[in-house]
Amino acid sequence: MAFVVTNHLAELIPGTNEKDCSIAVAPL
């Protein structure tokens, strides 16, 4: 999961920081 989180951050939501915001539309 350390690898997965790093890879997702790099390739799915690159550049995301504390000023960003997400919305959950599916079960966590």
mmCIF file of all heavy atoms, coordinates in Angstrom:
data_MODEL
# 
_entry.id   MODEL 
# 
loop_
_atom_site.group_PDB 
_atom_site.id 
_atom_site.type_symbol 
_atom_site.label_atom_id 
_atom_site.label_alt_id 
_atom_site.label_comp_id 
_atom_site.label_asym_id 
_atom_site.label_entity_id 
_atom_site.label_seq_id 
_atom_site.pdbx_PDB_ins_code 
_atom_site.Cartn_x 
_atom_site.Cartn_y 
_atom_site.Cartn_z 
_atom_site.occupancy 
_atom_site.B_iso_or_equiv 
_atom_site.pdbx_formal_charge 
_atom_site.auth_seq_id 
_atom_site.auth_comp_id 
_atom_site.auth_asym_id 
_atom_site.auth_atom_id 
_atom_site.pdbx_PDB_model_num 
ATOM 1   N N   . MET A 1 1  ? 0.813   -1.210 0.000   1.00 0.00 ? 1  MET A N   1 
ATOM 2   C CA  . MET A 1 1  ? 0.000   0.000  0.000   1.00 0.00 ? 1  MET A CA  1 
ATOM 3   C C   . MET A 1 1  ? 0.849   1.264  0.000   1.00 0.00 ? 1  MET A C   1 
ATOM 4   O O   . MET A 1 1  ? 0.421   2.299  -0.513  1.00 0.00 ? 1  MET A O   1 
ATOM 5   C CB  . MET A 1 1  ? -0.956  -0.011 1.180   1.00 0.00 ? 1  MET A CB  1 
ATOM 6   C CG  . MET A 1 1  ? -2.076  -1.031 1.023   1.00 0.00 ? 1  MET A CG  1 
ATOM 7   S SD  . MET A 1 1  ? -3.012  -0.809 -0.515  1.00 0.00 ? 1  MET A SD  1 
ATOM 8   C CE  . MET A 1 1  ? -3.695  0.812  -0.223  1.00 0.00 ? 1  MET A CE  1 
ATOM 9   N N   . ALA A 1 2  ? 2.050   1.196  0.568   1.00 0.00 ? 2  ALA A N   1 
ATOM 10  C CA  . ALA A 1 2  ? 2.954   2.347  0.478   1.00 0.00 ? 2  ALA A CA  1 
ATOM 11  C C   . ALA A 1 2  ? 3.265   2.640  -0.986  1.00 0.00 ? 2  ALA A C   1 
ATOM 12  O O   . ALA A 1 2  ? 3.275   3.796  -1.421  1.00 0.00 ? 2  ALA A O   1 
ATOM 13  C CB  . ALA A 1 2  ? 4.237   2.071  1.259   1.00 0.00 ? 2  ALA A CB  1 
ATOM 14  N N   . PHE A 1 3  ? 3.495   1.580  -1.769  1.00 0.00 ? 3  PHE A N   1 
ATOM 15  C CA  . PHE A 1 3  ? 3.749   1.755  -3.200  1.00 0.00 ? 3  PHE A CA  1 
ATOM 16  C C   . PHE A 1 3  ? 2.504   2.247  -3.916  1.00 0.00 ? 3  PHE A C   1 
ATOM 17  O O   . PHE A 1 3  ? 2.554   3.171  -4.743  1.00 0.00 ? 3  PHE A O   1 
ATOM 18  C CB  . PHE A 1 3  ? 4.220   0.435  -3.818  1.00 0.00 ? 3  PHE A CB  1 
ATOM 19  C CG  . PHE A 1 3  ? 4.398   0.500  -5.315  1.00 0.00 ? 3  PHE A CG  1 
ATOM 20  C CD1 . PHE A 1 3  ? 5.587   0.962  -5.864  1.00 0.00 ? 3  PHE A CD1 1 
ATOM 21  C CD2 . PHE A 1 3  ? 3.375   0.127  -6.178  1.00 0.00 ? 3  PHE A CD2 1 
ATOM 22  C CE1 . PHE A 1 3  ? 5.751   1.043  -7.247  1.00 0.00 ? 3  PHE A CE1 1 
ATOM 23  C CE2 . PHE A 1 3  ? 3.522   0.204  -7.551  1.00 0.00 ? 3  PHE A CE2 1 
ATOM 24  C CZ  . PHE A 1 3  ? 4.722   0.657  -8.087  1.00 0.00 ? 3  PHE A CZ  1 
ATOM 25  N N   . VAL A 1 4  ? 1.355   1.639  -3.619  1.00 0.00 ? 4  VAL A N   1 
ATOM 26  C CA  . VAL A 1 4  ? 0.109   1.986  -4.309  1.00 0.00 ? 4  VAL A CA  1 
ATOM 27  C C   . VAL A 1 4  ? -0.264  3.445  -4.072  1.00 0.00 ? 4  VAL A C   1 
ATOM 28  O O   . VAL A 1 4  ? -0.622  4.168  -5.017  1.00 0.00 ? 4  VAL A O   1 
ATOM 29  C CB  . VAL A 1 4  ? -1.025  1.050  -3.854  1.00 0.00 ? 4  VAL A CB  1 
ATOM 30  C CG1 . VAL A 1 4  ? -2.384  1.578  -4.301  1.00 0.00 ? 4  VAL A CG1 1 
ATOM 31  C CG2 . VAL A 1 4  ? -0.803  -0.354 -4.397  1.00 0.00 ? 4  VAL A CG2 1 
ATOM 32  N N   . VAL A 1 5  ? -0.199  3.897  -2.823  1.00 0.00 ? 5  VAL A N   1 
ATOM 33  C CA  . VAL A 1 5  ? -0.537  5.287  -2.523  1.00 0.00 ? 5  VAL A CA  1 
ATOM 34  C C   . VAL A 1 5  ? 0.389   6.236  -3.275  1.00 0.00 ? 5  VAL A C   1 
ATOM 35  O O   . VAL A 1 5  ? -0.051  7.212  -3.877  1.00 0.00 ? 5  VAL A O   1 
ATOM 36  C CB  . VAL A 1 5  ? -0.489  5.548  -1.005  1.00 0.00 ? 5  VAL A CB  1 
ATOM 37  C CG1 . VAL A 1 5  ? -0.536  7.047  -0.701  1.00 0.00 ? 5  VAL A CG1 1 
ATOM 38  C CG2 . VAL A 1 5  ? -1.658  4.853  -0.303  1.00 0.00 ? 5  VAL A CG2 1 
ATOM 39  N N   . THR A 1 6  ? 1.678   5.934  -3.267  1.00 0.00 ? 6  THR A N   1 
ATOM 40  C CA  . THR A 1 6  ? 2.648   6.771  -3.978  1.00 0.00 ? 6  THR A CA  1 
ATOM 41  C C   . THR A 1 6  ? 2.353   6.808  -5.472  1.00 0.00 ? 6  THR A C   1 
ATOM 42  O O   . THR A 1 6  ? 2.353   7.878  -6.107  1.00 0.00 ? 6  THR A O   1 
ATOM 43  C CB  . THR A 1 6  ? 4.079   6.245  -3.744  1.00 0.00 ? 6  THR A CB  1 
ATOM 44  O OG1 . THR A 1 6  ? 4.347   6.219  -2.346  1.00 0.00 ? 6  THR A OG1 1 
ATOM 45  C CG2 . THR A 1 6  ? 5.108   7.130  -4.424  1.00 0.00 ? 6  THR A CG2 1 
ATOM 46  N N   . ASN A 1 7  ? 2.076   5.639  -6.049  1.00 0.00 ? 7  ASN A N   1 
ATOM 47  C CA  . ASN A 1 7  ? 1.830   5.564  -7.483  1.00 0.00 ? 7  ASN A CA  1 
ATOM 48  C C   . ASN A 1 7  ? 0.526   6.259  -7.859  1.00 0.00 ? 7  ASN A C   1 
ATOM 49  O O   . ASN A 1 7  ? 0.459   6.997  -8.847  1.00 0.00 ? 7  ASN A O   1 
ATOM 50  C CB  . ASN A 1 7  ? 1.802   4.095  -7.922  1.00 0.00 ? 7  ASN A CB  1 
ATOM 51  C CG  . ASN A 1 7  ? 2.053   3.925  -9.413  1.00 0.00 ? 7  ASN A CG  1 
ATOM 52  O OD1 . ASN A 1 7  ? 1.480   4.643  -10.222 1.00 0.00 ? 7  ASN A OD1 1 
ATOM 53  N ND2 . ASN A 1 7  ? 2.898   2.982  -9.770  1.00 0.00 ? 7  ASN A ND2 1 
ATOM 54  N N   . HIS A 1 8  ? -0.524  6.057  -7.066  1.00 0.00 ? 8  HIS A N   1 
ATOM 55  C CA  . HIS A 1 8  ? -1.792  6.737  -7.350  1.00 0.00 ? 8  HIS A CA  1 
ATOM 56  C C   . HIS A 1 8  ? -1.632  8.257  -7.272  1.00 0.00 ? 8  HIS A C   1 
ATOM 57  O O   . HIS A 1 8  ? -2.204  8.992  -8.087  1.00 0.00 ? 8  HIS A O   1 
ATOM 58  C CB  . HIS A 1 8  ? -2.864  6.285  -6.364  1.00 0.00 ? 8  HIS A CB  1 
ATOM 59  C CG  . HIS A 1 8  ? -3.485  4.946  -6.687  1.00 0.00 ? 8  HIS A CG  1 
ATOM 60  N ND1 . HIS A 1 8  ? -3.297  4.295  -7.876  1.00 0.00 ? 8  HIS A ND1 1 
ATOM 61  C CD2 . HIS A 1 8  ? -4.315  4.146  -5.958  1.00 0.00 ? 8  HIS A CD2 1 
ATOM 62  C CE1 . HIS A 1 8  ? -3.979  3.154  -7.873  1.00 0.00 ? 8  HIS A CE1 1 
ATOM 63  N NE2 . HIS A 1 8  ? -4.602  3.043  -6.715  1.00 0.00 ? 8  HIS A NE2 1 
ATOM 64  N N   . LEU A 1 9  ? -0.894  8.728  -6.277  1.00 0.00 ? 9  LEU A N   1 
ATOM 65  C CA  . LEU A 1 9  ? -0.672  10.168 -6.163  1.00 0.00 ? 9  LEU A CA  1 
ATOM 66  C C   . LEU A 1 9  ? 0.067   10.702 -7.391  1.00 0.00 ? 9  LEU A C   1 
ATOM 67  O O   . LEU A 1 9  ? -0.233  11.795 -7.885  1.00 0.00 ? 9  LEU A O   1 
ATOM 68  C CB  . LEU A 1 9  ? 0.120   10.491 -4.900  1.00 0.00 ? 9  LEU A CB  1 
ATOM 69  C CG  . LEU A 1 9  ? -0.659  10.489 -3.588  1.00 0.00 ? 9  LEU A CG  1 
ATOM 70  C CD1 . LEU A 1 9  ? 0.286   10.584 -2.396  1.00 0.00 ? 9  LEU A CD1 1 
ATOM 71  C CD2 . LEU A 1 9  ? -1.661  11.642 -3.553  1.00 0.00 ? 9  LEU A CD2 1 
ATOM 72  N N   . ALA A 1 10 ? 1.014   9.925  -7.887  1.00 0.00 ? 10 ALA A N   1 
ATOM 73  C CA  . ALA A 1 10 ? 1.819   10.375 -9.026  1.00 0.00 ? 10 ALA A CA  1 
ATOM 74  C C   . ALA A 1 10 ? 1.045   10.322 -10.339 1.00 0.00 ? 10 ALA A C   1 
ATOM 75  O O   . ALA A 1 10 ? 1.252   11.168 -11.221 1.00 0.00 ? 10 ALA A O   1 
ATOM 76  C CB  . ALA A 1 10 ? 3.082   9.520  -9.137  1.00 0.00 ? 10 ALA A CB  1 
ATOM 77  N N   . GLU A 1 11 ? 0.142   9.348  -10.480 1.00 0.00 ? 11 GLU A N   1 
ATOM 78  C CA  . GLU A 1 11 ? -0.445  9.108  -11.800 1.00 0.00 ? 11 GLU A CA  1 
ATOM 79  C C   . GLU A 1 11 ? -1.952  9.349  -11.893 1.00 0.00 ? 11 GLU A C   1 
ATOM 80  O O   . GLU A 1 11 ? -2.477  9.476  -12.993 1.00 0.00 ? 11 GLU A O   1 
ATOM 81  C CB  . GLU A 1 11 ? -0.133  7.682  -12.245 1.00 0.00 ? 11 GLU A CB  1 
ATOM 82  C CG  . GLU A 1 11 ? 1.367   7.457  -12.403 1.00 0.00 ? 11 GLU A CG  1 
ATOM 83  C CD  . GLU A 1 11 ? 1.705   6.278  -13.272 1.00 0.00 ? 11 GLU A CD  1 
ATOM 84  O OE1 . GLU A 1 11 ? 1.131   5.194  -13.078 1.00 0.00 ? 11 GLU A OE1 1 
ATOM 85  O OE2 . GLU A 1 11 ? 2.554   6.452  -14.156 1.00 0.00 ? 11 GLU A OE2 1 
ATOM 86  N N   . LEU A 1 12 ? -2.651  9.400  -10.761 1.00 0.00 ? 12 LEU A N   1 
ATOM 87  C CA  . LEU A 1 12 ? -4.089  9.655  -10.808 1.00 0.00 ? 12 LEU A CA  1 
ATOM 88  C C   . LEU A 1 12 ? -4.426  11.091 -10.435 1.00 0.00 ? 12 LEU A C   1 
ATOM 89  O O   . LEU A 1 12 ? -5.277  11.712 -11.076 1.00 0.00 ? 12 LEU A O   1 
ATOM 90  C CB  . LEU A 1 12 ? -4.845  8.692  -9.881  1.00 0.00 ? 12 LEU A CB  1 
ATOM 91  C CG  . LEU A 1 12 ? -4.722  7.204  -10.173 1.00 0.00 ? 12 LEU A CG  1 
ATOM 92  C CD1 . LEU A 1 12 ? -5.664  6.412  -9.258  1.00 0.00 ? 12 LEU A CD1 1 
ATOM 93  C CD2 . LEU A 1 12 ? -5.007  6.876  -11.620 1.00 0.00 ? 12 LEU A CD2 1 
ATOM 94  N N   . ILE A 1 13 ? -3.793  11.609 -9.377  1.00 0.00 ? 13 ILE A N   1 
ATOM 95  C CA  . ILE A 1 13 ? -4.082  12.988 -8.945  1.00 0.00 ? 13 ILE A CA  1 
ATOM 96  C C   . ILE A 1 13 ? -2.773  13.753 -8.681  1.00 0.00 ? 13 ILE A C   1 
ATOM 97  O O   . ILE A 1 13 ? -2.568  14.294 -7.599  1.00 0.00 ? 13 ILE A O   1 
ATOM 98  C CB  . ILE A 1 13 ? -5.004  13.013 -7.708  1.00 0.00 ? 13 ILE A CB  1 
ATOM 99  C CG1 . ILE A 1 13 ? -4.450  12.144 -6.566  1.00 0.00 ? 13 ILE A CG1 1 
ATOM 100 C CG2 . ILE A 1 13 ? -6.407  12.556 -8.073  1.00 0.00 ? 13 ILE A CG2 1 
ATOM 101 C CD1 . ILE A 1 13 ? -5.243  12.323 -5.259  1.00 0.00 ? 13 ILE A CD1 1 
ATOM 102 N N   . PRO A 1 14 ? -1.879  13.811 -9.669  1.00 0.00 ? 14 PRO A N   1 
ATOM 103 C CA  . PRO A 1 14 ? -0.588  14.476 -9.452  1.00 0.00 ? 14 PRO A CA  1 
ATOM 104 C C   . PRO A 1 14 ? -0.747  15.939 -9.062  1.00 0.00 ? 14 PRO A C   1 
ATOM 105 O O   . PRO A 1 14 ? -1.647  16.629 -9.544  1.00 0.00 ? 14 PRO A O   1 
ATOM 106 C CB  . PRO A 1 14 ? 0.121   14.334 -10.806 1.00 0.00 ? 14 PRO A CB  1 
ATOM 107 C CG  . PRO A 1 14 ? -0.968  14.093 -11.791 1.00 0.00 ? 14 PRO A CG  1 
ATOM 108 C CD  . PRO A 1 14 ? -2.022  13.321 -11.065 1.00 0.00 ? 14 PRO A CD  1 
ATOM 109 N N   . GLY A 1 15 ? 0.128   16.391 -8.188  1.00 0.00 ? 15 GLY A N   1 
ATOM 110 C CA  . GLY A 1 15 ? 0.115   17.786 -7.778  1.00 0.00 ? 15 GLY A CA  1 
ATOM 111 C C   . GLY A 1 15 ? -0.882  18.107 -6.687  1.00 0.00 ? 15 GLY A C   1 
ATOM 112 O O   . GLY A 1 15 ? -1.010  19.263 -6.274  1.00 0.00 ? 15 GLY A O   1 
ATOM 113 N N   . THR A 1 16 ? -1.608  17.104 -6.196  1.00 0.00 ? 16 THR A N   1 
ATOM 114 C CA  . THR A 1 16 ? -2.600  17.335 -5.142  1.00 0.00 ? 16 THR A CA  1 
ATOM 115 C C   . THR A 1 16 ? -1.924  17.777 -3.856  1.00 0.00 ? 16 THR A C   1 
ATOM 116 O O   . THR A 1 16 ? -0.887  17.241 -3.465  1.00 0.00 ? 16 THR A O   1 
ATOM 117 C CB  . THR A 1 16 ? -3.427  16.056 -4.902  1.00 0.00 ? 16 THR A CB  1 
ATOM 118 O OG1 . THR A 1 16 ? -4.175  15.771 -6.087  1.00 0.00 ? 16 THR A OG1 1 
ATOM 119 C CG2 . THR A 1 16 ? -4.373  16.204 -3.717  1.00 0.00 ? 16 THR A CG2 1 
ATOM 120 N N   . ASN A 1 17 ? -2.524  18.786 -3.181  1.00 0.00 ? 17 ASN A N   1 
ATOM 121 C CA  . ASN A 1 17 ? -1.989  19.250 -1.911  1.00 0.00 ? 17 ASN A CA  1 
ATOM 122 C C   . ASN A 1 17 ? -3.137  19.600 -0.966  1.00 0.00 ? 17 ASN A C   1 
ATOM 123 O O   . ASN A 1 17 ? -4.295  19.306 -1.254  1.00 0.00 ? 17 ASN A O   1 
ATOM 124 C CB  . ASN A 1 17 ? -1.022  20.430 -2.103  1.00 0.00 ? 17 ASN A CB  1 
ATOM 125 C CG  . ASN A 1 17 ? -1.697  21.633 -2.748  1.00 0.00 ? 17 ASN A CG  1 
ATOM 126 O OD1 . ASN A 1 17 ? -2.884  21.905 -2.527  1.00 0.00 ? 17 ASN A OD1 1 
ATOM 127 N ND2 . ASN A 1 17 ? -0.947  22.367 -3.560  1.00 0.00 ? 17 ASN A ND2 1 
ATOM 128 N N   . GLU A 1 18 ? -2.787  20.239 0.158   1.00 0.00 ? 18 GLU A N   1 
ATOM 129 C CA  . GLU A 1 18 ? -3.774  20.515 1.204   1.00 0.00 ? 18 GLU A CA  1 
ATOM 130 C C   . GLU A 1 18 ? -4.864  21.492 0.765   1.00 0.00 ? 18 GLU A C   1 
ATOM 131 O O   . GLU A 1 18 ? -5.907  21.597 1.440   1.00 0.00 ? 18 GLU A O   1 
ATOM 132 C CB  . GLU A 1 18 ? -3.080  21.031 2.462   1.00 0.00 ? 18 GLU A CB  1 
ATOM 133 C CG  . GLU A 1 18 ? -2.551  22.455 2.395   1.00 0.00 ? 18 GLU A CG  1 
ATOM 134 C CD  . GLU A 1 18 ? -1.223  22.605 1.659   1.00 0.00 ? 18 GLU A CD  1 
ATOM 135 O OE1 . GLU A 1 18 ? -0.715  21.588 1.130   1.00 0.00 ? 18 GLU A OE1 1 
ATOM 136 O OE2 . GLU A 1 18 ? -0.689  23.736 1.605   1.00 0.00 ? 18 GLU A OE2 1 
ATOM 137 N N   . LYS A 1 19 ? -4.660  22.192 -0.334  1.00 0.00 ? 19 LYS A N   1 
ATOM 138 C CA  . LYS A 1 19 ? -5.672  23.127 -0.817  1.00 0.00 ? 19 LYS A CA  1 
ATOM 139 C C   . LYS A 1 19 ? -6.707  22.439 -1.712  1.00 0.00 ? 19 LYS A C   1 
ATOM 140 O O   . LYS A 1 19 ? -7.684  23.059 -2.117  1.00 0.00 ? 19 LYS A O   1 
ATOM 141 C CB  . LYS A 1 19 ? -4.999  24.280 -1.564  1.00 0.00 ? 19 LYS A CB  1 
ATOM 142 C CG  . LYS A 1 19 ? -4.097  25.118 -0.672  1.00 0.00 ? 19 LYS A CG  1 
ATOM 143 C CD  . LYS A 1 19 ? -3.338  26.167 -1.460  1.00 0.00 ? 19 LYS A CD  1 
ATOM 144 C CE  . LYS A 1 19 ? -2.360  26.912 -0.555  1.00 0.00 ? 19 LYS A CE  1 
ATOM 145 N NZ  . LYS A 1 19 ? -1.540  27.882 -1.325  1.00 0.00 ? 19 LYS A NZ  1 
ATOM 146 N N   . ASP A 1 20 ? -6.475  21.175 -2.022  1.00 0.00 ? 20 ASP A N   1 
ATOM 147 C CA  . ASP A 1 20 ? -7.402  20.431 -2.858  1.00 0.00 ? 20 ASP A CA  1 
ATOM 148 C C   . ASP A 1 20 ? -8.522  19.834 -2.015  1.00 0.00 ? 20 ASP A C   1 
ATOM 149 O O   . ASP A 1 20 ? -8.497  19.879 -0.780  1.00 0.00 ? 20 ASP A O   1 
ATOM 150 C CB  . ASP A 1 20 ? -6.655  19.324 -3.616  1.00 0.00 ? 20 ASP A CB  1 
ATOM 151 C CG  . ASP A 1 20 ? -5.872  19.879 -4.792  1.00 0.00 ? 20 ASP A CG  1 
ATOM 152 O OD1 . ASP A 1 20 ? -6.509  20.374 -5.732  1.00 0.00 ? 20 ASP A OD1 1 
ATOM 153 O OD2 . ASP A 1 20 ? -4.625  19.831 -4.759  1.00 0.00 ? 20 ASP A OD2 1 
ATOM 154 N N   . CYS A 1 21 ? -9.481  19.238 -2.713  1.00 0.00 ? 21 CYS A N   1 
ATOM 155 C CA  . CYS A 1 21 ? -10.644 18.661 -2.042  1.00 0.00 ? 21 CYS A CA  1 
ATOM 156 C C   . CYS A 1 21 ? -11.173 17.515 -2.894  1.00 0.00 ? 21 CYS A C   1 
ATOM 157 O O   . CYS A 1 21 ? -11.205 17.607 -4.119  1.00 0.00 ? 21 CYS A O   1 
ATOM 158 C CB  . CYS A 1 21 ? -11.725 19.724 -1.846  1.00 0.00 ? 21 CYS A CB  1 
ATOM 159 S SG  . CYS A 1 21 ? -13.149 19.164 -0.903  1.00 0.00 ? 21 CYS A SG  1 
ATOM 160 N N   . SER A 1 22 ? -11.581 16.435 -2.228  1.00 0.00 ? 22 SER A N   1 
ATOM 161 C CA  . SER A 1 22 ? -12.145 15.275 -2.899  1.00 0.00 ? 22 SER A CA  1 
ATOM 162 C C   . SER A 1 22 ? -13.598 15.096 -2.470  1.00 0.00 ? 22 SER A C   1 
ATOM 163 O O   . SER A 1 22 ? -14.027 15.656 -1.464  1.00 0.00 ? 22 SER A O   1 
ATOM 164 C CB  . SER A 1 22 ? -11.333 14.017 -2.541  1.00 0.00 ? 22 SER A CB  1 
ATOM 165 O OG  . SER A 1 22 ? -11.785 12.897 -3.268  1.00 0.00 ? 22 SER A OG  1 
ATOM 166 N N   . ILE A 1 23 ? -14.348 14.308 -3.228  1.00 0.00 ? 23 ILE A N   1 
ATOM 167 C CA  . ILE A 1 23 ? -15.727 13.994 -2.847  1.00 0.00 ? 23 ILE A CA  1 
ATOM 168 C C   . ILE A 1 23 ? -15.930 12.494 -2.988  1.00 0.00 ? 23 ILE A C   1 
ATOM 169 O O   . ILE A 1 23 ? -15.503 11.895 -3.979  1.00 0.00 ? 23 ILE A O   1 
ATOM 170 C CB  . ILE A 1 23 ? -16.748 14.796 -3.683  1.00 0.00 ? 23 ILE A CB  1 
ATOM 171 C CG1 . ILE A 1 23 ? -18.162 14.594 -3.147  1.00 0.00 ? 23 ILE A CG1 1 
ATOM 172 C CG2 . ILE A 1 23 ? -16.659 14.461 -5.160  1.00 0.00 ? 23 ILE A CG2 1 
ATOM 173 C CD1 . ILE A 1 23 ? -19.167 15.591 -3.706  1.00 0.00 ? 23 ILE A CD1 1 
ATOM 174 N N   . ALA A 1 24 ? -16.529 11.871 -1.974  1.00 0.00 ? 24 ALA A N   1 
ATOM 175 C CA  . ALA A 1 24 ? -16.740 10.425 -1.965  1.00 0.00 ? 24 ALA A CA  1 
ATOM 176 C C   . ALA A 1 24 ? -18.158 10.114 -2.424  1.00 0.00 ? 24 ALA A C   1 
ATOM 177 O O   . ALA A 1 24 ? -19.115 10.462 -1.740  1.00 0.00 ? 24 ALA A O   1 
ATOM 178 C CB  . ALA A 1 24 ? -16.490 9.859  -0.567  1.00 0.00 ? 24 ALA A CB  1 
ATOM 179 N N   . VAL A 1 25 ? -18.285 9.472  -3.578  1.00 0.00 ? 25 VAL A N   1 
ATOM 180 C CA  . VAL A 1 25 ? -19.605 9.122  -4.098  1.00 0.00 ? 25 VAL A CA  1 
ATOM 181 C C   . VAL A 1 25 ? -19.850 7.615  -4.051  1.00 0.00 ? 25 VAL A C   1 
ATOM 182 O O   . VAL A 1 25 ? -20.906 7.146  -4.462  1.00 0.00 ? 25 VAL A O   1 
ATOM 183 C CB  . VAL A 1 25 ? -19.802 9.634  -5.545  1.00 0.00 ? 25 VAL A CB  1 
ATOM 184 C CG1 . VAL A 1 25 ? -19.799 11.142 -5.583  1.00 0.00 ? 25 VAL A CG1 1 
ATOM 185 C CG2 . VAL A 1 25 ? -18.743 9.064  -6.482  1.00 0.00 ? 25 VAL A CG2 1 
ATOM 186 N N   . ALA A 1 26 ? -18.893 6.864  -3.557  1.00 0.00 ? 26 ALA A N   1 
ATOM 187 C CA  . ALA A 1 26 ? -19.017 5.410  -3.453  1.00 0.00 ? 26 ALA A CA  1 
ATOM 188 C C   . ALA A 1 26 ? -18.610 4.996  -2.039  1.00 0.00 ? 26 ALA A C   1 
ATOM 189 O O   . ALA A 1 26 ? -17.963 5.761  -1.321  1.00 0.00 ? 26 ALA A O   1 
ATOM 190 C CB  . ALA A 1 26 ? -18.124 4.733  -4.495  1.00 0.00 ? 26 ALA A CB  1 
ATOM 191 N N   . PRO A 1 27 ? -18.970 3.780  -1.609  1.00 0.00 ? 27 PRO A N   1 
ATOM 192 C CA  . PRO A 1 27 ? -18.610 3.338  -0.259  1.00 0.00 ? 27 PRO A CA  1 
ATOM 193 C C   . PRO A 1 27 ? -17.103 3.315  -0.035  1.00 0.00 ? 27 PRO A C   1 
ATOM 194 O O   . PRO A 1 27 ? -16.343 2.839  -0.883  1.00 0.00 ? 27 PRO A O   1 
ATOM 195 C CB  . PRO A 1 27 ? -19.194 1.917  -0.189  1.00 0.00 ? 27 PRO A CB  1 
ATOM 196 C CG  . PRO A 1 27 ? -20.294 1.898  -1.195  1.00 0.00 ? 27 PRO A CG  1 
ATOM 197 C CD  . PRO A 1 27 ? -19.821 2.784  -2.314  1.00 0.00 ? 27 PRO A CD  1 
ATOM 198 N N   . LEU A 1 28 ? -16.675 3.813  1.120   1.00 0.00 ? 28 LEU A N   1 
ATOM 199 C CA  . LEU A 1 28 ? -15.255 3.832  1.470   1.00 0.00 ? 28 LEU A CA  1 
ATOM 200 C C   . LEU A 1 28 ? -14.717 2.434  1.765   1.00 0.00 ? 28 LEU A C   1 
ATOM 201 O O   . LEU A 1 28 ? -13.517 2.257  1.975   1.00 0.00 ? 28 LEU A O   1 
ATOM 202 C CB  . LEU A 1 28 ? -15.024 4.730  2.690   1.00 0.00 ? 28 LEU A CB  1 
ATOM 203 C CG  . LEU A 1 28 ? -15.313 6.221  2.486   1.00 0.00 ? 28 LEU A CG  1 
ATOM 204 C CD1 . LEU A 1 28 ? -15.142 6.974  3.800   1.00 0.00 ? 28 LEU A CD1 1 
ATOM 205 C CD2 . LEU A 1 28 ? -14.409 6.820  1.413   1.00 0.00 ? 28 LEU A CD2 1 
# 
